[in-house]
């Protein structure tokens, strides 16, 4: 069967493989180099920014105490993290998004506190041009908690570097942070606070980019159906959704 398939003309092979979902296309690309080349061409076409027409990503990053008060920010697609070729490892390619505005959050660390915890959410939305509201909603990641250590924040602020934080066990999503400023808080120092490294401090962080594994994102968009946005209320440029879910917050 595989021999018959790879002997087909390129246009026929491409037409057959184009009917496969992206995840299956990635799996079948391991059969041989010719199929891998055709699959890479098809995935490259699907991964182009134009394939996201009608879909928007909104993202929110905040401390657990402020996650219900922090607004979502619209993110703009910036293309893949690296070029796609027949020899590319397709599962290692991510689609980059950057905020249309700024995704910023402030974290405060008390004396001798060694880490801070943040919560991230992201949703793909599709606008119905006729109804003027969102017709499809799919979660990319939901109430995902992660930690940043004091030593990491201190190094980021001192060197001005960007840190990539991977979310989840499969590393399907990454957030790229940088420290905008660091504020020492001497007025709340207590015992042992003469060491500035361990004293109370406040960091202002900015999420510069959101990376989503391209195959994962394509899978979400391919599997989603049209969903009603009857629970959505649009006020100016802010979108509020009446979502219902059950989540257990870590201690």
Protein backbone atom coordinates (compact mmCIF):
# COMPACT_ATOMS: atom_id res chain seq x y z
CA UNK A 1 0.00 0.00 0.00
CA UNK A 2 2.78 2.40 0.93
CA UNK A 3 4.63 1.57 -2.30
CA UNK A 4 1.52 2.31 -4.41
CA UNK A 5 0.96 5.57 -2.56
CA UNK A 6 4.43 7.00 -3.01
CA UNK A 7 4.43 6.20 -6.75
CA UNK A 8 1.46 8.51 -7.34
CA UNK A 9 2.03 11.85 -9.07
CA UNK A 10 2.70 14.70 -6.66
CA UNK A 11 -0.62 16.45 -7.27
CA UNK A 12 -2.59 13.26 -6.53
CA UNK A 13 -0.56 12.48 -3.42
CA UNK A 14 -1.06 16.02 -2.18
CA UNK A 15 -4.81 15.83 -2.86
CA UNK A 16 -5.11 12.59 -0.86
CA UNK A 17 -3.03 13.77 2.10
CA UNK A 18 -4.85 17.12 2.24
CA UNK A 19 -7.93 15.30 3.58
CA UNK A 20 -6.10 14.26 6.74
CA UNK A 21 -6.24 16.29 9.98
CA UNK A 22 -2.96 17.94 10.91
CA UNK A 23 -2.15 15.52 13.74
CA UNK A 24 -2.58 12.50 11.47
CA UNK A 25 -0.65 14.26 8.72
CA UNK A 26 2.25 14.68 11.12
CA UNK A 27 2.15 10.98 12.02
CA UNK A 28 2.06 9.77 8.40
CA UNK A 29 4.98 12.04 7.53
CA UNK A 30 7.24 9.49 9.25
CA UNK A 31 6.55 6.85 6.59
CA UNK A 32 9.10 8.05 4.05
CA UNK A 33 10.86 11.18 2.82
CA UNK A 34 8.51 11.81 -0.08
CA UNK A 35 5.41 11.73 2.11
CA UNK A 36 7.26 13.83 4.69
CA UNK A 37 8.00 16.42 2.02
CA UNK A 38 4.38 16.54 0.85
CA UNK A 39 3.08 16.64 4.41
CA UNK A 40 5.46 19.48 5.29
CA UNK A 41 4.24 21.45 2.28
CA UNK A 42 0.60 20.99 3.31
CA UNK A 43 1.28 21.85 6.95
CA UNK A 44 3.28 24.89 5.89
CA UNK A 45 0.25 26.13 3.96
CA UNK A 46 -2.04 25.49 6.96
CA UNK A 47 0.35 27.23 9.34
CA UNK A 48 0.45 30.44 7.36
CA UNK A 49 -1.05 33.40 9.16
CA UNK A 50 -3.87 33.51 6.64
CA UNK A 51 -5.13 30.16 7.91
CA UNK A 52 -6.07 31.90 11.19
CA UNK A 53 -8.44 34.31 9.43
CA UNK A 54 -11.43 34.91 11.64
CA UNK A 55 -9.73 33.52 14.76
CA UNK A 56 -8.22 35.61 17.52
CA UNK A 57 -6.24 34.61 20.58
CA UNK A 58 -6.87 36.36 23.88
CA UNK A 59 -4.62 35.70 26.86
CA UNK A 60 -4.50 36.58 30.55
CA UNK A 61 -1.68 36.18 33.10
CA UNK A 62 -2.15 37.17 36.73
CA UNK A 63 -1.58 36.13 40.30
CA UNK A 64 -4.23 33.72 41.66
CA UNK A 65 -5.75 36.49 43.79
CA UNK A 66 -6.26 38.78 40.79
CA UNK A 67 -7.08 36.34 37.98
CA UNK A 68 -10.79 37.20 38.03
CA UNK A 69 -10.02 40.93 37.89
CA UNK A 70 -7.33 40.96 35.19
CA UNK A 71 -8.63 41.64 31.65
CA UNK A 72 -7.78 39.44 28.69
CA UNK A 73 -5.46 40.92 26.06
CA UNK A 74 -5.82 40.40 22.33
CA UNK A 75 -2.77 38.68 20.80
CA UNK A 76 -1.58 38.91 17.19
CA UNK A 77 -0.03 35.98 15.29
CA UNK A 78 3.62 36.54 14.33
CA UNK A 79 4.26 33.32 12.41
CA UNK A 80 6.15 30.10 13.22
CA UNK A 81 9.23 29.91 15.43
CA UNK A 82 11.28 28.44 12.58
CA UNK A 83 10.88 27.70 8.85
CA UNK A 84 9.20 24.50 7.76
CA UNK A 85 11.04 22.17 5.38
CA UNK A 86 10.76 18.49 4.47
CA UNK A 87 13.39 17.80 7.12
CA UNK A 88 11.68 19.82 9.84
CA UNK A 89 10.58 18.23 13.09
CA UNK A 90 6.98 19.36 12.71
CA UNK A 91 6.09 18.71 16.34
CA UNK A 92 8.77 21.19 17.43
CA UNK A 93 7.32 24.14 15.52
CA UNK A 94 5.34 26.73 17.49
CA UNK A 95 3.17 29.64 16.39
CA UNK A 96 4.20 32.91 18.02
CA UNK A 97 1.68 35.43 19.33
CA UNK A 98 2.39 38.84 20.82
CA UNK A 99 -0.04 41.03 22.71
CA UNK A 100 -1.73 43.86 20.85
CA UNK A 101 -1.32 45.87 24.04
CA UNK A 102 0.68 44.68 27.04
CA UNK A 103 0.28 41.58 29.19
CA UNK A 104 1.69 42.84 32.48
CA UNK A 105 1.37 41.67 36.03
CA UNK A 106 2.95 42.70 39.33
CA UNK A 107 4.10 40.11 41.85
CA UNK A 108 5.14 40.81 45.44
CA UNK A 109 7.39 38.53 47.44
CA UNK A 110 7.62 38.72 51.18
CA UNK A 111 10.78 38.35 53.22
CA UNK A 112 12.49 34.98 52.64
CA UNK A 113 9.73 33.91 50.20
CA UNK A 114 11.46 31.91 47.47
CA UNK A 115 8.86 31.77 44.69
CA UNK A 116 5.66 33.32 43.40
CA UNK A 117 2.74 31.63 41.65
CA UNK A 118 0.93 32.85 38.54
CA UNK A 119 -2.14 31.69 36.62
CA UNK A 120 -2.54 31.81 32.82
CA UNK A 121 -5.56 31.44 30.52
CA UNK A 122 -5.91 31.62 26.74
CA UNK A 123 -8.87 31.26 24.39
CA UNK A 124 -9.25 31.13 20.60
CA UNK A 125 -12.24 33.15 19.38
CA UNK A 126 -13.86 33.47 15.98
CA UNK A 127 -15.88 36.51 15.00
CA UNK A 128 -19.14 36.20 13.08
CA UNK A 129 -18.93 39.15 10.66
CA UNK A 130 -22.70 39.18 10.13
CA UNK A 131 -23.87 38.92 13.73
CA UNK A 132 -21.11 41.15 15.08
CA UNK A 133 -20.29 38.78 17.93
CA UNK A 134 -18.12 35.74 18.61
CA UNK A 135 -19.49 32.52 17.11
CA UNK A 136 -16.85 30.03 18.27
CA UNK A 137 -14.87 29.67 21.48
CA UNK A 138 -12.13 27.13 22.22
CA UNK A 139 -9.85 27.07 25.23
CA UNK A 140 -6.13 26.66 24.55
CA UNK A 141 -5.18 26.44 28.23
CA UNK A 142 -7.35 27.07 31.25
CA UNK A 143 -6.34 28.12 34.77
CA UNK A 144 -2.80 26.81 34.28
CA UNK A 145 -0.65 27.54 37.33
CA UNK A 146 3.12 27.91 37.28
CA UNK A 147 5.86 29.26 39.55
CA UNK A 148 8.72 31.71 39.16
CA UNK A 149 11.53 31.56 41.70
CA UNK A 150 13.07 34.58 43.38
CA UNK A 151 16.49 33.68 41.97
CA UNK A 152 15.07 33.49 38.42
CA UNK A 153 13.37 36.88 38.69
CA UNK A 154 16.53 38.43 40.15
CA UNK A 155 18.64 37.06 37.28
CA UNK A 156 16.10 38.18 34.67
CA UNK A 157 16.05 41.71 36.06
CA UNK A 158 19.84 41.96 36.36
CA UNK A 159 20.62 40.65 32.87
CA UNK A 160 17.54 42.00 31.08
CA UNK A 161 16.95 38.52 29.66
CA UNK A 162 13.72 36.88 28.54
CA UNK A 163 12.72 33.65 30.27
CA UNK A 164 10.64 30.97 28.55
CA UNK A 165 8.16 29.24 30.88
CA UNK A 166 6.70 25.97 29.57
CA UNK A 167 3.15 25.08 30.61
CA UNK A 168 1.74 21.59 31.02
CA UNK A 169 3.35 18.19 30.77
CA UNK A 170 3.47 18.15 26.97
CA UNK A 171 5.15 21.55 26.54
CA UNK A 172 2.42 22.58 24.10
CA UNK A 173 2.43 26.19 25.34
CA UNK A 174 5.18 28.58 26.40
CA UNK A 175 5.09 32.10 27.85
CA UNK A 176 8.10 34.38 27.39
CA UNK A 177 8.58 36.86 30.26
CA UNK A 178 10.86 39.74 31.01
CA UNK A 179 11.19 41.90 34.12
CA UNK A 180 10.22 45.52 33.49
CA UNK A 181 11.32 46.77 36.90
CA UNK A 182 12.22 45.64 40.40
CA UNK A 183 11.17 47.55 43.49
CA UNK A 184 12.74 46.91 46.89
CA UNK A 185 10.34 47.47 49.80
CA UNK A 186 12.46 48.48 52.81
CA UNK A 187 9.46 49.85 54.73
CA UNK A 188 8.19 46.29 55.31
CA UNK A 189 11.53 44.69 56.16
CA UNK A 190 11.71 42.66 59.31
CA UNK A 191 14.01 40.15 60.91
CA UNK A 192 16.98 39.28 58.72
CA UNK A 193 15.97 41.82 56.10
CA UNK A 194 19.39 43.42 55.98
CA UNK A 195 20.04 40.94 53.17
CA UNK A 196 18.44 42.65 50.15
CA UNK A 197 18.52 39.37 48.22
CA UNK A 198 15.96 37.87 50.63
CA UNK A 199 14.02 41.00 51.62
CA UNK A 200 10.52 42.01 50.48
CA UNK A 201 10.46 42.90 46.80
CA UNK A 202 7.99 43.66 44.02
CA UNK A 203 8.51 42.75 40.36
CA UNK A 204 6.58 44.02 37.35
CA UNK A 205 6.56 41.35 34.64
CA UNK A 206 5.59 41.53 30.99
CA UNK A 207 4.66 38.54 28.84
CA UNK A 208 6.24 39.39 25.50
CA UNK A 209 5.10 36.35 23.54
CA UNK A 210 2.85 33.31 23.76
CA UNK A 211 4.03 30.19 21.92
CA UNK A 212 1.52 27.46 21.01
CA UNK A 213 2.57 24.20 19.39
CA UNK A 214 1.36 24.63 15.83
CA UNK A 215 -0.02 21.11 15.47
CA UNK A 216 -1.92 21.51 18.74
CA UNK A 217 -3.38 24.82 17.61
CA UNK A 218 -4.38 23.41 14.24
CA UNK A 219 -6.02 20.47 15.97
CA UNK A 220 -8.08 22.84 18.12
CA UNK A 221 -9.20 24.86 15.10
CA UNK A 222 -9.98 21.79 13.00
CA UNK A 223 -12.04 20.08 15.69
CA UNK A 224 -14.03 23.08 16.77
CA UNK A 225 -17.56 23.55 15.53
CA UNK A 226 -19.66 26.66 15.45
CA UNK A 227 -20.71 27.51 18.97
CA UNK A 228 -23.25 30.03 20.07
CA UNK A 229 -22.06 33.15 21.77
CA UNK A 230 -25.40 33.87 23.42
CA UNK A 231 -23.65 34.20 26.79
CA UNK A 232 -21.27 36.86 25.47
CA UNK A 233 -21.72 40.54 26.13
CA UNK A 234 -19.57 43.00 24.17
CA UNK A 235 -18.95 46.38 25.75
CA UNK A 236 -16.61 48.57 23.71
CA UNK A 237 -13.49 46.48 23.10
CA UNK A 238 -13.97 44.33 26.20
CA UNK A 239 -15.58 40.91 25.89
CA UNK A 240 -17.16 39.21 28.89
CA UNK A 241 -18.19 35.55 28.76
CA UNK A 242 -20.40 33.64 31.18
CA UNK A 243 -18.22 30.54 31.35
CA UNK A 244 -18.84 27.63 33.67
CA UNK A 245 -16.11 25.21 34.66
CA UNK A 246 -14.83 23.37 37.70
CA UNK A 247 -11.22 24.01 38.68
CA UNK A 248 -9.29 23.04 41.75
CA UNK A 249 -6.78 25.66 42.84
CA UNK A 250 -3.50 24.34 44.24
CA UNK A 251 -2.63 25.35 47.80
